[in-house]
Every structure is written in C-alpha cells, then in structure tokens.
Amino acid sequence: MAVIRRNILTNPEVRDAYVRGVLLLKQQETSFLTSAYNIPGTAVPVRTYDLFVIWHHKTMRTPVPPDGDSGTRNAAHRGPVFLPWHRLMLRFMELNLQRVLEDPTFGLPYWDWTVDGSPAADGSPPSPASSLIWDKKWMGGQGDPVNIGPFAFDAGFRVRIESDVGLALRQVDRGLRRSFGQPPPVGSPTLPSGDDLRAAFDTQATPDLATYDVPPWDKSSGGFRNRLEGFKGTGLHNQVHRWVNGDMAPAHSPNDPVFFLHHCNVDRIWEGWMRRHGRVYLPDMTESDTLKGHRIDDPIVSPLGKDGTPGSVLDQTAEVTYDGLP
C-alpha cells in the first residue's frame, strides 16, 4: 500500500515523527568514513543524515557534460533531471526514516510554502517569517545559530559537513543557520505565492508550460521543469531556498531539515502537473551524449550507483501518494 505524504502544518503527528526520525538519522553512524569522500581532517564515520548532504553537494559539483560548467547544468540541477533526481533522493530519505522510526507507513511531509507566501484572507500582506512552520514545535526559527525548536544549537543539533568558500567539503561542528527574507542577490524578500504557482500551470498564457522541458535543456529553457526549478518566472523552488537562506542557500542545503519538506512540496507540484499532462519526460535517448545523465534512460547519479533513471521514477503511485495536489 502506498504511503501518504501529508501537509506538515496540519498534521502534528507527522511533524513529530519527522523530527524524531531526523534526529535519529543525525545520530546514527554509518560504515562510511569522511576520508572516503576526500573530506580533510581526522577520518570519522559519516552519520546517515549527513550522507544526503554529501550526495547533494557532489552532484551539484558534477557538470553535464563532464567538460562543462556545473553552473550551467549539473547532475541534479539546472536541467531536466532536476525533478527525477530529487524524487529519488526524497524516496531514499523516506525509506531511511521509516527504518529508524520502525514505521513502514510513514510518509515524508511537505511544506506548502505558497500558503505562507500569499496574502491573508483579509488582504493583508504575507508574513512568512511568522508562519507556524517556524514555531518551536515545528522547524524552529532563524538565527546564527538557530536557537529555538528541535534543531536548535542548545538542543544539540549540529551541522557536521559543509562546503567552504571554494566549494570543497569540510568538517565542522556548529549550529544550523537561517536568515529569512534577505535582499537579492543572496536572498529573496518573499516566498512564492499561490498566484505564482497558478502562473506555472497556466498553459493558456504560456503554452510551453504543457511541455516538461525543451532545448537547450538548461537554466535558460522554457517548459515546466525550468519554471518550477525557478530560473524562469517568479522563482518557485529557487526562491524558497533563497528566502530561508543560511544553510538552505549553498550546495550543502540538506543540512537544514526544511530542505526535505520543501522538496517534497516541489515533488507534489510536479505530480500535479503530470496528472494534467501525462507522465512524460524529455529529453529522450536520441539526444547527444553531452546530455548524458539527463536523458530519460540515463542512470541517475545516486549513492546506490545505477539505481534508477528519470523514466523509472515518473510513476511512484504504487509507493507514494499525496493528501492533495495543486
């Protein structure tokens, strides 16, 4: 039976399970040493949660094509594989949470940030920094370090792996950082609104949004993928990372547990798009090898090796459903 992914802000039981599971994965040592990932310093076991930080960072530093620029297209971002890659990552995290929680029915919760980015019912402007998501019982607030909630410095939550200014991984021992609503270019003053999301589905106004992706298959492309990733239009996925800022901004963004709530919502939005337009994906295998890693039957770069392809993750309904789609 498929697990159900629910809105974290309306499901305190799911919230509590997610927090408990993250803290367990942060404590659990694996057989992998930091030296295996060329992280300098004393070789120590990598915690299970931190493997996801390393995985995300390394794929962001893997350019596609190999002799290209990772800022143009990499093995997980700025190209078609963005949504399938993160879908696979979410499922791996979900399975690990089920394992440590000893609950095979647990589904990753999502944070619908469009609610916090939209005007209130009385027309007053949004106030995302005061959202319930930042309550001490949910994700805690902002700060350097974050000082309230389950991931607070005083509660023992630690960032152990980060990328330095040269984008190399290093070992640290510090608290989580968030800095809401910073001005551009480092931040974003607002979260995406419901109107922003509706615009991403408006194929009458923008016909290419009915197509998953189009050439040149990068951050300049039209199509739905790039609108949702946020290089076209108002921002969406990228805008959320920039608004939360702090540890959500760099390549080591999975250090913030909000990362998985955010990407679960991104995946939910993609699922809603596929319900309308079909479980379709481009590019196909007729495209050049310079796109290897982004074509429909190319292996997705994952810690399990050749574990999945974009085509293999288009339909997860036998394993995962959502309590509501946009």
C-alpha atoms as a PDB file:
ATOM      1  CA  MET A   1       0.000   0.000   0.000  1.00  0.00           C
ATOM      2  CA  ALA A   2       1.283   3.444  -0.888  1.00  0.00           C
ATOM      3  CA  VAL A   3       2.312   5.782   1.913  1.00  0.00           C
ATOM      4  CA  ILE A   4       0.580   9.143   2.090  1.00  0.00           C
ATOM      5  CA  ARG A   5       2.619  12.346   2.207  1.00  0.00           C
ATOM      6  CA  ARG A   6       0.759  14.967   4.221  1.00  0.00           C
ATOM      7  CA  ASN A   7       0.892  18.693   4.896  1.00  0.00           C
ATOM      8  CA  ILE A   8       3.129  19.089   7.945  1.00  0.00           C
ATOM      9  CA  LEU A   9       1.295  22.205   9.147  1.00  0.00           C
ATOM     10  CA  THR A  10      -1.991  20.341   9.541  1.00  0.00           C
ATOM     11  CA  ASN A  11      -0.579  17.063  10.883  1.00  0.00           C
ATOM     12  CA  PRO A  12       1.238  17.377  14.229  1.00  0.00           C
ATOM     13  CA  GLU A  13       1.680  13.600  14.479  1.00  0.00           C
ATOM     14  CA  VAL A  14       3.540  13.539  11.162  1.00  0.00           C
ATOM     15  CA  ARG A  15       5.559  16.547  12.290  1.00  0.00           C
ATOM     16  CA  ASP A  16       6.625  14.808  15.495  1.00  0.00           C
ATOM     17  CA  ALA A  17       7.578  11.641  13.632  1.00  0.00           C
ATOM     18  CA  TYR A  18       9.608  13.594  11.071  1.00  0.00           C
ATOM     19  CA  VAL A  19      11.516  15.480  13.773  1.00  0.00           C
ATOM     20  CA  ARG A  20      12.185  12.289  15.700  1.00  0.00           C
ATOM     21  CA  GLY A  21      13.365  10.491  12.575  1.00  0.00           C
ATOM     22  CA  VAL A  22      15.716  13.282  11.505  1.00  0.00           C
ATOM     23  CA  LEU A  23      17.297  13.383  14.945  1.00  0.00           C
ATOM     24  CA  LEU A  24      17.792   9.614  14.894  1.00  0.00           C
ATOM     25  CA  LEU A  25      19.443   9.740  11.457  1.00  0.00           C
ATOM     26  CA  LYS A  26      21.681  12.582  12.660  1.00  0.00           C
ATOM     27  CA  GLN A  27      22.901  10.367  15.489  1.00  0.00           C
ATOM     28  CA  GLN A  28      23.322   7.136  13.530  1.00  0.00           C
ATOM     29  CA  GLU A  29      26.884   6.417  12.382  1.00  0.00           C
ATOM     30  CA  THR A  30      27.490   4.553   9.138  1.00  0.00           C
ATOM     31  CA  SER A  31      30.433   2.448   7.987  1.00  0.00           C
ATOM     32  CA  PHE A  32      31.490   5.252   5.606  1.00  0.00           C
ATOM     33  CA  LEU A  33      34.349   7.485   6.720  1.00  0.00           C
ATOM     34  CA  THR A  34      34.776  11.142   5.836  1.00  0.00           C
ATOM     35  CA  SER A  35      38.078  10.218   4.186  1.00  0.00           C
ATOM     36  CA  ALA A  36      36.156   8.165   1.586  1.00  0.00           C
ATOM     37  CA  TYR A  37      34.752  11.455   0.288  1.00  0.00           C
ATOM     38  CA  ASN A  38      38.089  13.291   0.388  1.00  0.00           C
ATOM     39  CA  ILE A  39      36.927  15.424   3.298  1.00  0.00           C
ATOM     40  CA  PRO A  40      40.051  16.641   5.134  1.00  0.00           C
ATOM     41  CA  GLY A  41      40.685  16.173   8.825  1.00  0.00           C
ATOM     42  CA  THR A  42      40.506  13.157  11.094  1.00  0.00           C
ATOM     43  CA  ALA A  43      38.615  10.320   9.408  1.00  0.00           C
ATOM     44  CA  VAL A  44      35.352   9.818  11.296  1.00  0.00           C
ATOM     45  CA  PRO A  45      32.172   7.881  10.482  1.00  0.00           C
ATOM     46  CA  VAL A  46      29.609   9.839   8.474  1.00  0.00           C
ATOM     47  CA  ARG A  47      26.159   9.951  10.059  1.00  0.00           C
ATOM     48  CA  THR A  48      23.289   8.639   7.914  1.00  0.00           C
ATOM     49  CA  TYR A  49      21.642  12.044   7.584  1.00  0.00           C
ATOM     50  CA  ASP A  50      24.920  13.634   6.524  1.00  0.00           C
ATOM     51  CA  LEU A  51      25.285  11.187   3.635  1.00  0.00           C
ATOM     52  CA  PHE A  52      22.450  13.102   1.976  1.00  0.00           C
ATOM     53  CA  VAL A  53      24.380  16.348   2.420  1.00  0.00           C
ATOM     54  CA  ILE A  54      27.431  14.826   0.726  1.00  0.00           C
ATOM     55  CA  TRP A  55      25.338  13.290  -2.076  1.00  0.00           C
ATOM     56  CA  HIS A  56      23.646  16.578  -2.874  1.00  0.00           C
ATOM     57  CA  HIS A  57      26.884  18.560  -2.790  1.00  0.00           C
ATOM     58  CA  LYS A  58      28.781  16.151  -5.030  1.00  0.00           C
ATOM     59  CA  THR A  59      26.090  16.043  -7.692  1.00  0.00           C
ATOM     60  CA  MET A  60      25.986  19.835  -7.737  1.00  0.00           C
ATOM     61  CA  ARG A  61      29.732  19.759  -8.400  1.00  0.00           C
ATOM     62  CA  THR A  62      29.368  17.243 -11.276  1.00  0.00           C
ATOM     63  CA  PRO A  63      28.988  19.188 -14.545  1.00  0.00           C
ATOM     64  CA  VAL A  64      26.994  17.866 -17.511  1.00  0.00           C
ATOM     65  CA  PRO A  65      28.653  17.490 -19.963  1.00  0.00           C
ATOM     66  CA  PRO A  66      31.749  16.414 -17.952  1.00  0.00           C
ATOM     67  CA  ASP A  67      33.922  19.103 -19.504  1.00  0.00           C
ATOM     68  CA  GLY A  68      31.250  21.756 -18.991  1.00  0.00           C
ATOM     69  CA  ASP A  69      30.347  24.177 -16.223  1.00  0.00           C
ATOM     70  CA  SER A  70      28.309  22.898 -13.248  1.00  0.00           C
ATOM     71  CA  GLY A  71      26.770  26.360 -13.043  1.00  0.00           C
ATOM     72  CA  THR A  72      25.120  25.769 -16.411  1.00  0.00           C
ATOM     73  CA  ARG A  73      23.919  22.186 -15.876  1.00  0.00           C
ATOM     74  CA  ASN A  74      24.980  19.590 -13.319  1.00  0.00           C
ATOM     75  CA  ALA A  75      23.996  16.033 -12.419  1.00  0.00           C
ATOM     76  CA  ALA A  76      20.991  17.156 -10.351  1.00  0.00           C
ATOM     77  CA  HIS A  77      20.145  20.771 -11.211  1.00  0.00           C
ATOM     78  CA  ARG A  78      19.735  23.325 -13.991  1.00  0.00           C
ATOM     79  CA  GLY A  79      18.492  20.679 -16.384  1.00  0.00           C
ATOM     80  CA  PRO A  80      15.747  18.086 -16.983  1.00  0.00           C
ATOM     81  CA  VAL A  81      16.879  15.590 -14.330  1.00  0.00           C
ATOM     82  CA  PHE A  82      16.225  18.119 -11.562  1.00  0.00           C
ATOM     83  CA  LEU A  83      12.809  16.699 -10.641  1.00  0.00           C
ATOM     84  CA  PRO A  84      13.569  12.949 -11.068  1.00  0.00           C
ATOM     85  CA  TRP A  85      16.869  13.280  -9.158  1.00  0.00           C
ATOM     86  CA  HIS A  86      15.216  14.910  -6.167  1.00  0.00           C
ATOM     87  CA  ARG A  87      12.306  12.464  -6.332  1.00  0.00           C
ATOM     88  CA  LEU A  88      14.785   9.607  -5.912  1.00  0.00           C
ATOM     89  CA  MET A  89      16.530  11.416  -3.060  1.00  0.00           C
ATOM     90  CA  LEU A  90      13.226  12.008  -1.261  1.00  0.00           C
ATOM     91  CA  ARG A  91      12.357   8.328  -1.530  1.00  0.00           C
ATOM     92  CA  PHE A  92      15.719   7.280  -0.084  1.00  0.00           C
ATOM     93  CA  MET A  93      15.206   9.664   2.842  1.00  0.00           C
ATOM     94  CA  GLU A  94      11.664   8.407   3.351  1.00  0.00           C
ATOM     95  CA  LEU A  95      12.818   4.775   3.470  1.00  0.00           C
ATOM     96  CA  ASN A  96      15.530   5.636   5.989  1.00  0.00           C
ATOM     97  CA  LEU A  97      13.037   7.486   8.167  1.00  0.00           C
ATOM     98  CA  GLN A  98      10.681   4.504   8.011  1.00  0.00           C
ATOM     99  CA  ARG A  99      13.556   2.284   9.107  1.00  0.00           C
ATOM    100  CA  VAL A 100      14.616   4.287  12.173  1.00  0.00           C
ATOM    101  CA  LEU A 101      11.019   5.057  13.139  1.00  0.00           C
ATOM    102  CA  GLU A 102      10.126   1.373  12.666  1.00  0.00           C
ATOM    103  CA  ASP A 103       7.049   2.540  10.773  1.00  0.00           C
ATOM    104  CA  PRO A 104       6.642   1.434   7.137  1.00  0.00           C
ATOM    105  CA  THR A 105       3.545   3.650   6.814  1.00  0.00           C
ATOM    106  CA  PHE A 106       5.441   6.907   7.424  1.00  0.00           C
ATOM    107  CA  GLY A 107       5.319   9.356   4.520  1.00  0.00           C
ATOM    108  CA  LEU A 108       7.526  12.414   4.208  1.00  0.00           C
ATOM    109  CA  PRO A 109       5.531  15.555   4.993  1.00  0.00           C
ATOM    110  CA  TYR A 110       5.551  18.605   2.760  1.00  0.00           C
ATOM    111  CA  TRP A 111       5.537  22.337   3.444  1.00  0.00           C
ATOM    112  CA  ASP A 112       3.152  24.216   1.158  1.00  0.00           C
ATOM    113  CA  TRP A 113       5.103  27.475   1.095  1.00  0.00           C
ATOM    114  CA  THR A 114       2.568  29.137  -1.226  1.00  0.00           C
ATOM    115  CA  VAL A 115       0.241  29.484   1.779  1.00  0.00           C
ATOM    116  CA  ASP A 116       2.899  31.427   3.677  1.00  0.00           C
ATOM    117  CA  GLY A 117       3.785  33.479   0.606  1.00  0.00           C
ATOM    118  CA  SER A 118       0.216  34.555  -0.186  1.00  0.00           C
ATOM    119  CA  PRO A 119      -1.772  37.493   1.224  1.00  0.00           C
ATOM    120  CA  ALA A 120      -4.034  36.724   4.171  1.00  0.00           C
ATOM    121  CA  ALA A 121      -7.782  36.281   3.738  1.00  0.00           C
ATOM    122  CA  ASP A 122      -8.336  39.905   4.787  1.00  0.00           C
ATOM    123  CA  GLY A 123      -5.948  41.104   2.087  1.00  0.00           C
ATOM    124  CA  SER A 124      -3.085  41.950   4.428  1.00  0.00           C
ATOM    125  CA  PRO A 125       0.390  41.176   3.043  1.00  0.00           C
ATOM    126  CA  PRO A 126       2.004  37.824   3.773  1.00  0.00           C
ATOM    127  CA  SER A 127       4.223  37.434   6.817  1.00  0.00           C
ATOM    128  CA  PRO A 128       6.143  34.230   6.104  1.00  0.00           C
ATOM    129  CA  ALA A 129       8.595  34.666   8.986  1.00  0.00           C
ATOM    130  CA  SER A 130       5.693  34.320  11.435  1.00  0.00           C
ATOM    131  CA  SER A 131       4.371  31.123   9.847  1.00  0.00           C
ATOM    132  CA  LEU A 132       3.586  28.176  12.089  1.00  0.00           C
ATOM    133  CA  ILE A 133       6.354  26.232  10.337  1.00  0.00           C
ATOM    134  CA  TRP A 134       8.893  28.240  12.351  1.00  0.00           C
ATOM    135  CA  ASP A 135       7.233  27.540  15.704  1.00  0.00           C
ATOM    136  CA  LYS A 136       9.359  25.820  18.341  1.00  0.00           C
ATOM    137  CA  LYS A 137       7.267  22.660  17.914  1.00  0.00           C
ATOM    138  CA  TRP A 138       7.841  22.594  14.166  1.00  0.00           C
ATOM    139  CA  MET A 139      11.123  23.615  12.498  1.00  0.00           C
ATOM    140  CA  GLY A 140      12.219  26.384  14.868  1.00  0.00           C
ATOM    141  CA  GLY A 141      13.129  29.873  13.756  1.00  0.00           C
ATOM    142  CA  GLN A 142      16.030  31.733  12.227  1.00  0.00           C
ATOM    143  CA  GLY A 143      19.416  32.727  13.641  1.00  0.00           C
ATOM    144  CA  ASP A 144      23.131  32.045  13.591  1.00  0.00           C
ATOM    145  CA  PRO A 145      22.762  29.596  15.121  1.00  0.00           C
ATOM    146  CA  VAL A 146      19.068  28.723  15.195  1.00  0.00           C
ATOM    147  CA  ASN A 147      18.235  28.907  18.886  1.00  0.00           C
ATOM    148  CA  ILE A 148      14.685  27.570  19.210  1.00  0.00           C
ATOM    149  CA  GLY A 149      12.975  24.346  18.244  1.00  0.00           C
ATOM    150  CA  PRO A 150      14.112  20.734  17.834  1.00  0.00           C
ATOM    151  CA  PHE A 151      17.057  21.707  15.606  1.00  0.00           C
ATOM    152  CA  ALA A 152      18.402  24.398  17.904  1.00  0.00           C
ATOM    153  CA  PHE A 153      22.056  24.593  18.876  1.00  0.00           C
ATOM    154  CA  ASP A 154      21.183  24.286  22.569  1.00  0.00           C
ATOM    155  CA  ALA A 155      19.160  21.168  21.793  1.00  0.00           C
ATOM    156  CA  GLY A 156      22.304  19.542  20.388  1.00  0.00           C
ATOM    157  CA  PHE A 157      21.626  19.770  16.661  1.00  0.00           C
ATOM    158  CA  ARG A 158      24.896  20.137  14.751  1.00  0.00           C
ATOM    159  CA  VAL A 159      25.966  20.758  11.178  1.00  0.00           C
ATOM    160  CA  ARG A 160      28.948  18.447  10.604  1.00  0.00           C
ATOM    161  CA  ILE A 161      29.614  18.679   6.850  1.00  0.00           C
ATOM    162  CA  GLU A 162      29.546  21.871   4.799  1.00  0.00           C
ATOM    163  CA  SER A 163      31.014  23.368   1.648  1.00  0.00           C
ATOM    164  CA  ASP A 164      33.651  26.055   2.095  1.00  0.00           C
ATOM    165  CA  VAL A 165      34.059  29.232   0.014  1.00  0.00           C
ATOM    166  CA  GLY A 166      35.950  27.179  -2.583  1.00  0.00           C
ATOM    167  CA  LEU A 167      33.001  24.733  -2.749  1.00  0.00           C
ATOM    168  CA  ALA A 168      35.001  21.889  -1.215  1.00  0.00           C
ATOM    169  CA  LEU A 169      33.549  19.757   1.573  1.00  0.00           C
ATOM    170  CA  ARG A 170      34.926  20.182   5.078  1.00  0.00           C
ATOM    171  CA  GLN A 171      34.159  19.008   8.608  1.00  0.00           C
ATOM    172  CA  VAL A 172      32.614  21.478  11.051  1.00  0.00           C
ATOM    173  CA  ASP A 173      30.819  21.393  14.382  1.00  0.00           C
ATOM    174  CA  ARG A 174      28.349  24.261  14.528  1.00  0.00           C
ATOM    175  CA  GLY A 175      24.692  25.146  14.767  1.00  0.00           C
ATOM    176  CA  LEU A 176      22.179  25.424  11.946  1.00  0.00           C
ATOM    177  CA  ARG A 177      21.893  28.816  10.226  1.00  0.00           C
ATOM    178  CA  ARG A 178      18.831  30.571   8.754  1.00  0.00           C
ATOM    179  CA  SER A 179      18.343  34.186   7.727  1.00  0.00           C
ATOM    180  CA  PHE A 180      14.855  34.872   6.395  1.00  0.00           C
ATOM    181  CA  GLY A 181      13.946  37.306   3.649  1.00  0.00           C
ATOM    182  CA  GLN A 182      17.341  38.753   2.817  1.00  0.00           C
ATOM    183  CA  PRO A 183      17.547  41.112  -0.183  1.00  0.00           C
ATOM    184  CA  PRO A 184      18.881  39.959  -3.569  1.00  0.00           C
ATOM    185  CA  PRO A 185      21.226  38.714  -4.829  1.00  0.00           C
ATOM    186  CA  VAL A 186      21.907  36.489  -1.810  1.00  0.00           C
ATOM    187  CA  GLY A 187      18.302  36.167  -0.692  1.00  0.00           C
ATOM    188  CA  SER A 188      14.675  36.770  -1.585  1.00  0.00           C
ATOM    189  CA  PRO A 189      12.329  39.114   0.296  1.00  0.00           C
ATOM    190  CA  THR A 190       9.273  36.891  -0.265  1.00  0.00           C
ATOM    191  CA  LEU A 191       8.145  33.295  -0.672  1.00  0.00           C
ATOM    192  CA  PRO A 192       6.254  32.196  -3.804  1.00  0.00           C
ATOM    193  CA  SER A 193       2.524  32.887  -3.673  1.00  0.00           C
ATOM    194  CA  GLY A 194      -0.482  30.922  -4.855  1.00  0.00           C
ATOM    195  CA  ASP A 195      -0.663  33.239  -7.859  1.00  0.00           C
ATOM    196  CA  ASP A 196       2.953  32.400  -8.704  1.00  0.00           C
ATOM    197  CA  LEU A 197       2.129  28.705  -8.667  1.00  0.00           C
ATOM    198  CA  ARG A 198      -1.026  29.164 -10.724  1.00  0.00           C
ATOM    199  CA  ALA A 199       1.050  31.003 -13.335  1.00  0.00           C
ATOM    200  CA  ALA A 200       3.281  27.920 -13.611  1.00  0.00           C
ATOM    201  CA  PHE A 201       0.208  25.862 -14.580  1.00  0.00           C
ATOM    202  CA  ASP A 202      -1.282  28.458 -16.926  1.00  0.00           C
ATOM    203  CA  THR A 203      -0.715  26.854 -20.308  1.00  0.00           C
ATOM    204  CA  GLN A 204      -3.131  29.274 -21.953  1.00  0.00           C
ATOM    205  CA  ALA A 205      -0.910  32.231 -21.107  1.00  0.00           C
ATOM    206  CA  THR A 206       2.345  30.272 -21.600  1.00  0.00           C
ATOM    207  CA  PRO A 207       1.806  27.260 -23.929  1.00  0.00           C
ATOM    208  CA  ASP A 208       5.262  25.739 -23.378  1.00  0.00           C
ATOM    209  CA  LEU A 209       4.321  25.005 -19.747  1.00  0.00           C
ATOM    210  CA  ALA A 210       2.422  21.981 -21.113  1.00  0.00           C
ATOM    211  CA  THR A 211       5.835  20.547 -22.119  1.00  0.00           C
ATOM    212  CA  TYR A 212       8.161  19.116 -19.486  1.00  0.00           C
ATOM    213  CA  ASP A 213      11.392  20.585 -20.884  1.00  0.00           C
ATOM    214  CA  VAL A 214      12.779  21.945 -24.131  1.00  0.00           C
ATOM    215  CA  PRO A 215      16.201  22.693 -25.677  1.00  0.00           C
ATOM    216  CA  PRO A 216      18.758  23.872 -24.743  1.00  0.00           C
ATOM    217  CA  TRP A 217      17.897  21.779 -21.642  1.00  0.00           C
ATOM    218  CA  ASP A 218      19.447  24.180 -19.128  1.00  0.00           C
ATOM    219  CA  LYS A 219      18.583  27.157 -16.923  1.00  0.00           C
ATOM    220  CA  SER A 220      17.568  29.211 -19.973  1.00  0.00           C
ATOM    221  CA  SER A 221      14.992  26.648 -21.177  1.00  0.00           C
ATOM    222  CA  GLY A 222      11.273  27.109 -21.417  1.00  0.00           C
ATOM    223  CA  GLY A 223       8.937  24.358 -20.249  1.00  0.00           C
ATOM    224  CA  PHE A 224       7.504  23.379 -16.878  1.00  0.00           C
ATOM    225  CA  ARG A 225      10.698  21.988 -15.303  1.00  0.00           C
ATOM    226  CA  ASN A 226      12.568  25.256 -15.518  1.00  0.00           C
ATOM    227  CA  ARG A 227       9.564  27.263 -14.307  1.00  0.00           C
ATOM    228  CA  LEU A 228       9.273  25.025 -11.237  1.00  0.00           C
ATOM    229  CA  GLU A 229      13.025  24.934 -10.634  1.00  0.00           C
ATOM    230  CA  GLY A 230      12.849  28.693 -10.706  1.00  0.00           C
ATOM    231  CA  PHE A 231      15.188  30.067 -13.360  1.00  0.00           C
ATOM    232  CA  LYS A 232      12.179  31.269 -15.347  1.00  0.00           C
ATOM    233  CA  GLY A 233       9.186  33.095 -13.921  1.00  0.00           C
ATOM    234  CA  THR A 234       8.915  34.252 -10.317  1.00  0.00           C
ATOM    235  CA  GLY A 235      11.305  31.773  -8.704  1.00  0.00           C
ATOM    236  CA  LEU A 236       9.353  28.936  -7.011  1.00  0.00           C
ATOM    237  CA  HIS A 237      11.924  26.285  -5.912  1.00  0.00           C
ATOM    238  CA  ASN A 238      14.940  28.590  -6.073  1.00  0.00           C
ATOM    239  CA  GLN A 239      13.055  31.385  -4.364  1.00  0.00           C
ATOM    240  CA  VAL A 240      12.307  29.220  -1.310  1.00  0.00           C
ATOM    241  CA  HIS A 241      15.987  28.327  -0.889  1.00  0.00           C
ATOM    242  CA  ARG A 242      16.922  31.994  -1.135  1.00  0.00           C
ATOM    243  CA  TRP A 243      14.211  33.149   1.273  1.00  0.00           C
ATOM    244  CA  VAL A 244      15.169  30.685   4.025  1.00  0.00           C
ATOM    245  CA  ASN A 245      18.835  31.407   3.258  1.00  0.00           C
ATOM    246  CA  GLY A 246      21.587  30.406   5.698  1.00  0.00           C
ATOM    247  CA  ASP A 247      22.281  26.704   5.262  1.00  0.00           C
ATOM    248  CA  MET A 248      19.470  26.396   2.715  1.00  0.00           C
ATOM    249  CA  ALA A 249      21.372  28.558   0.221  1.00  0.00           C
ATOM    250  CA  PRO A 250      24.621  26.617  -0.585  1.00  0.00           C
ATOM    251  CA  ALA A 251      25.237  23.174  -2.056  1.00  0.00           C
ATOM    252  CA  HIS A 252      25.083  21.669   1.443  1.00  0.00           C
ATOM    253  CA  SER A 253      21.404  22.735   1.780  1.00  0.00           C
ATOM    254  CA  PRO A 254      20.149  19.307   3.018  1.00  0.00           C
ATOM    255  CA  ASN A 255      21.798  20.240   6.333  1.00  0.00           C
ATOM    256  CA  ASP A 256      18.535  22.065   7.056  1.00  0.00           C
ATOM    257  CA  PRO A 257      15.695  19.571   7.640  1.00  0.00           C
ATOM    258  CA  VAL A 258      13.387  22.093   5.949  1.00  0.00           C
ATOM    259  CA  PHE A 259      15.111  21.029   2.698  1.00  0.00           C
ATOM    260  CA  PHE A 260      13.147  17.771   2.550  1.00  0.00           C
ATOM    261  CA  LEU A 261       9.818  19.441   3.399  1.00  0.00           C
ATOM    262  CA  HIS A 262      10.473  21.982   0.650  1.00  0.00           C
ATOM    263  CA  HIS A 263      11.427  19.412  -1.970  1.00  0.00           C
ATOM    264  CA  CYS A 264       8.506  17.202  -1.022  1.00  0.00           C
ATOM    265  CA  ASN A 265       6.255  20.127  -1.953  1.00  0.00           C
ATOM    266  CA  VAL A 266       8.174  20.605  -5.212  1.00  0.00           C
ATOM    267  CA  ASP A 267       7.600  16.923  -5.979  1.00  0.00           C
ATOM    268  CA  ARG A 268       3.903  17.297  -5.118  1.00  0.00           C
ATOM    269  CA  ILE A 269       3.634  20.165  -7.605  1.00  0.00           C
ATOM    270  CA  TRP A 270       5.322  18.053 -10.294  1.00  0.00           C
ATOM    271  CA  GLU A 271       2.916  15.202  -9.541  1.00  0.00           C
ATOM    272  CA  GLY A 272       0.015  17.624 -10.014  1.00  0.00           C
ATOM    273  CA  TRP A 273       1.439  18.694 -13.372  1.00  0.00           C
ATOM    274  CA  MET A 274       1.783  15.074 -14.516  1.00  0.00           C
ATOM    275  CA  ARG A 275      -1.833  14.355 -13.590  1.00  0.00           C
ATOM    276  CA  ARG A 276      -2.771  17.046 -16.115  1.00  0.00           C
ATOM    277  CA  HIS A 277      -0.238  16.477 -18.879  1.00  0.00           C
ATOM    278  CA  GLY A 278       0.807  12.838 -18.562  1.00  0.00           C
ATOM    279  CA  ARG A 279       3.848  11.059 -17.158  1.00  0.00           C
ATOM    280  CA  VAL A 280       6.095  12.395 -19.864  1.00  0.00           C
ATOM    281  CA  TYR A 281       9.749  13.358 -19.826  1.00  0.00           C
ATOM    282  CA  LEU A 282      12.217  14.948 -22.196  1.00  0.00           C
ATOM    283  CA  PRO A 283      14.940  14.628 -23.459  1.00  0.00           C
ATOM    284  CA  ASP A 284      14.779  11.105 -24.810  1.00  0.00           C
ATOM    285  CA  MET A 285      17.731   8.922 -25.793  1.00  0.00           C
ATOM    286  CA  THR A 286      18.010  10.442 -29.258  1.00  0.00           C
ATOM    287  CA  GLU A 287      19.720  13.469 -27.712  1.00  0.00           C
ATOM    288  CA  SER A 288      23.508  13.775 -27.738  1.00  0.00           C
ATOM    289  CA  ASP A 289      25.761  12.130 -25.134  1.00  0.00           C
ATOM    290  CA  THR A 290      26.588  15.652 -23.973  1.00  0.00           C
ATOM    291  CA  LEU A 291      23.291  15.389 -22.062  1.00  0.00           C
ATOM    292  CA  LYS A 292      24.204  12.039 -20.502  1.00  0.00           C
ATOM    293  CA  GLY A 293      22.660  11.954 -17.052  1.00  0.00           C
ATOM    294  CA  HIS A 294      19.609  13.982 -18.092  1.00  0.00           C
ATOM    295  CA  ARG A 295      18.076  11.713 -20.764  1.00  0.00           C
ATOM    296  CA  ILE A 296      15.103   9.520 -19.937  1.00  0.00           C
ATOM    297  CA  ASP A 297      17.000   6.207 -19.632  1.00  0.00           C
ATOM    298  CA  ASP A 298      20.278   7.529 -18.209  1.00  0.00           C
ATOM    299  CA  PRO A 299      21.233   6.353 -14.693  1.00  0.00           C
ATOM    300  CA  ILE A 300      20.516   8.951 -12.023  1.00  0.00           C
ATOM    301  CA  VAL A 301      23.622   9.803 -10.021  1.00  0.00           C
ATOM    302  CA  SER A 302      22.903   8.276  -6.608  1.00  0.00           C
ATOM    303  CA  PRO A 303      24.718   6.701  -3.657  1.00  0.00           C
ATOM    304  CA  LEU A 304      23.419   3.324  -4.837  1.00  0.00           C
ATOM    305  CA  GLY A 305      25.020   3.598  -8.233  1.00  0.00           C
ATOM    306  CA  LYS A 306      22.860   2.784 -11.260  1.00  0.00           C
ATOM    307  CA  ASP A 307      19.705   2.579  -9.199  1.00  0.00           C
ATOM    308  CA  GLY A 308      17.162   4.497 -11.242  1.00  0.00           C
ATOM    309  CA  THR A 309      16.524   6.538 -14.355  1.00  0.00           C
ATOM    310  CA  PRO A 310      14.249   9.524 -14.966  1.00  0.00           C
ATOM    311  CA  GLY A 311      11.836   7.216 -16.762  1.00  0.00           C
ATOM    312  CA  SER A 312      11.729   4.755 -13.859  1.00  0.00           C
ATOM    313  CA  VAL A 313      10.570   7.324 -11.295  1.00  0.00           C
ATOM    314  CA  LEU A 314       7.846   9.056 -13.322  1.00  0.00           C
ATOM    315  CA  ASP A 315       5.137   6.913 -11.723  1.00  0.00           C
ATOM    316  CA  GLN A 316       5.552   6.267  -7.991  1.00  0.00           C
ATOM    317  CA  THR A 317       1.856   5.956  -7.226  1.00  0.00           C
ATOM    318  CA  ALA A 318       2.243   2.343  -6.100  1.00  0.00           C
ATOM    319  CA  GLU A 319       4.606   3.563  -3.373  1.00  0.00           C
ATOM    320  CA  VAL A 320       3.726   7.204  -2.671  1.00  0.00           C
ATOM    321  CA  THR A 321       0.644   9.410  -2.837  1.00  0.00           C
ATOM    322  CA  TYR A 322      -0.191  12.913  -1.600  1.00  0.00           C
ATOM    323  CA  ASP A 323      -3.144  14.005   0.509  1.00  0.00           C
ATOM    324  CA  GLY A 324      -3.828  16.720  -2.070  1.00  0.00           C
ATOM    325  CA  LEU A 325      -2.386  18.003  -5.344  1.00  0.00           C
ATOM    326  CA  PRO A 326      -2.196  21.572  -6.653  1.00  0.00           C
END
